[in-house]
Amino acid sequence: MTIIKSYAAHDAGAELELYEYDAGELKPEDVEVEVEYCGICHSDLSMIDNEWGMSTYPLIAGHEVIGRVSALGGSAQTKGLKVGQRVGIGW
C-alpha cells in the first residue's frame, strides 16, 4: 500500500488542493515514480475546467514528469528499469 500525496481539483474550475489517496498494491506492469518535477500546461487547465466534457474528479493535474523509480511490479522488473533510476514521463 502506497499513500500518494498530490494536488487535485475536486470540481470543475476549482483550485488545486492537497490530496492523498491509497494507490493500492502495484500490478505486475506498474512502475511507481517519486515525482521531483511536474509541468502544468494549458491542457491541464482545460481538464481542471472540464472544457472537453470528459474530466472526472478529483482530478490530479500535471504531466511531463521527472522523477525516480521507487518501486516496480513483478513484470516491470524485467523491462530494463531499476529502482533509483531517473525517468521522464510524457502526456
Protein backbone atom coordinates (compact mmCIF):
# COMPACT_ATOMS: atom_id res chain seq x y z
CA MET A 1 0.00 0.00 0.00
CA THR A 2 1.38 3.38 -1.02
CA ILE A 3 -0.20 6.66 0.02
CA ILE A 4 0.13 9.15 -2.82
CA LYS A 5 0.42 12.84 -1.97
CA SER A 6 -0.67 15.11 -4.79
CA TYR A 7 -2.67 18.20 -5.65
CA ALA A 8 -6.12 17.81 -7.15
CA ALA A 9 -9.14 19.81 -8.26
CA HIS A 10 -12.29 18.45 -6.63
CA ASP A 11 -14.73 20.19 -9.01
CA ALA A 12 -14.65 21.89 -12.40
CA GLY A 13 -12.75 25.17 -12.14
CA ALA A 14 -11.64 24.52 -8.55
CA GLU A 15 -8.21 25.38 -7.22
CA LEU A 16 -5.73 22.57 -6.68
CA GLU A 17 -5.69 21.35 -3.07
CA LEU A 18 -3.55 18.82 -1.25
CA TYR A 19 -4.99 15.35 -1.90
CA GLU A 20 -3.87 11.98 -0.59
CA TYR A 21 -5.08 8.56 -1.67
CA ASP A 22 -4.18 4.90 -1.40
CA ALA A 23 -2.88 3.67 -4.74
CA GLY A 24 -3.17 0.03 -3.68
CA GLU A 25 -0.71 -2.71 -4.47
CA LEU A 26 1.44 -2.44 -7.60
CA LYS A 27 0.17 -4.51 -10.51
CA PRO A 28 2.76 -6.59 -12.42
CA GLU A 29 3.36 -3.95 -15.14
CA ASP A 30 3.22 -0.91 -12.80
CA VAL A 31 6.12 1.44 -12.16
CA GLU A 32 5.95 3.74 -9.15
CA VAL A 33 7.77 7.04 -9.63
CA GLU A 34 8.63 9.54 -6.91
CA VAL A 35 7.92 12.82 -8.71
CA GLU A 36 10.57 15.51 -8.43
CA TYR A 37 9.24 17.93 -11.06
CA CYS A 38 5.92 18.18 -12.88
CA GLY A 39 4.66 20.60 -15.50
CA ILE A 40 1.19 22.13 -15.60
CA CYS A 41 0.16 23.36 -19.05
CA HIS A 42 -2.95 24.64 -20.81
CA SER A 43 -4.30 21.14 -21.43
CA ASP A 44 -4.19 20.53 -17.65
CA LEU A 45 -6.16 23.75 -17.11
CA SER A 46 -8.69 22.58 -19.70
CA MET A 47 -9.07 19.28 -17.84
CA ILE A 48 -9.47 21.07 -14.49
CA ASP A 49 -12.20 23.25 -16.02
CA ASN A 50 -13.78 20.26 -17.83
CA GLU A 51 -13.65 22.19 -21.13
CA TRP A 52 -13.75 18.93 -23.11
CA GLY A 53 -16.58 17.37 -21.08
CA MET A 54 -14.62 14.27 -20.04
CA SER A 55 -12.99 15.16 -16.72
CA THR A 56 -13.62 13.14 -13.57
CA TYR A 57 -12.96 14.47 -10.09
CA PRO A 58 -10.93 14.59 -8.04
CA LEU A 59 -8.59 15.37 -10.93
CA ILE A 60 -4.84 15.31 -10.38
CA ALA A 61 -3.42 17.70 -12.95
CA GLY A 62 0.08 17.64 -14.32
CA HIS A 63 2.16 15.68 -16.74
CA GLU A 64 5.63 15.95 -18.22
CA VAL A 65 7.05 14.42 -15.05
CA ILE A 66 10.65 13.93 -13.98
CA GLY A 67 11.35 11.64 -11.04
CA ARG A 68 12.97 8.45 -9.82
CA VAL A 69 11.66 4.90 -9.92
CA SER A 70 10.72 3.95 -6.35
CA ALA A 71 9.10 0.54 -6.94
CA LEU A 72 8.50 -1.94 -9.75
CA GLY A 73 5.75 -4.51 -10.23
CA GLY A 74 6.88 -8.10 -10.87
CA SER A 75 6.79 -7.96 -14.68
CA ALA A 76 8.15 -4.42 -14.83
CA GLN A 77 11.36 -5.64 -13.21
CA THR A 78 12.33 -7.32 -16.48
CA LYS A 79 11.85 -4.21 -18.65
CA GLY A 80 15.24 -2.58 -18.04
CA LEU A 81 14.16 -0.21 -15.27
CA LYS A 82 15.85 -0.09 -11.88
CA VAL A 83 14.79 1.37 -8.53
CA GLY A 84 16.50 4.76 -8.15
CA GLN A 85 16.72 5.34 -11.93
CA ARG A 86 15.77 8.85 -13.12
CA VAL A 87 12.89 8.75 -15.60
CA GLY A 88 10.77 11.15 -17.61
CA ILE A 89 7.07 10.64 -18.36
CA GLY A 90 5.19 12.50 -21.07
CA TRP A 91 1.48 13.03 -21.60
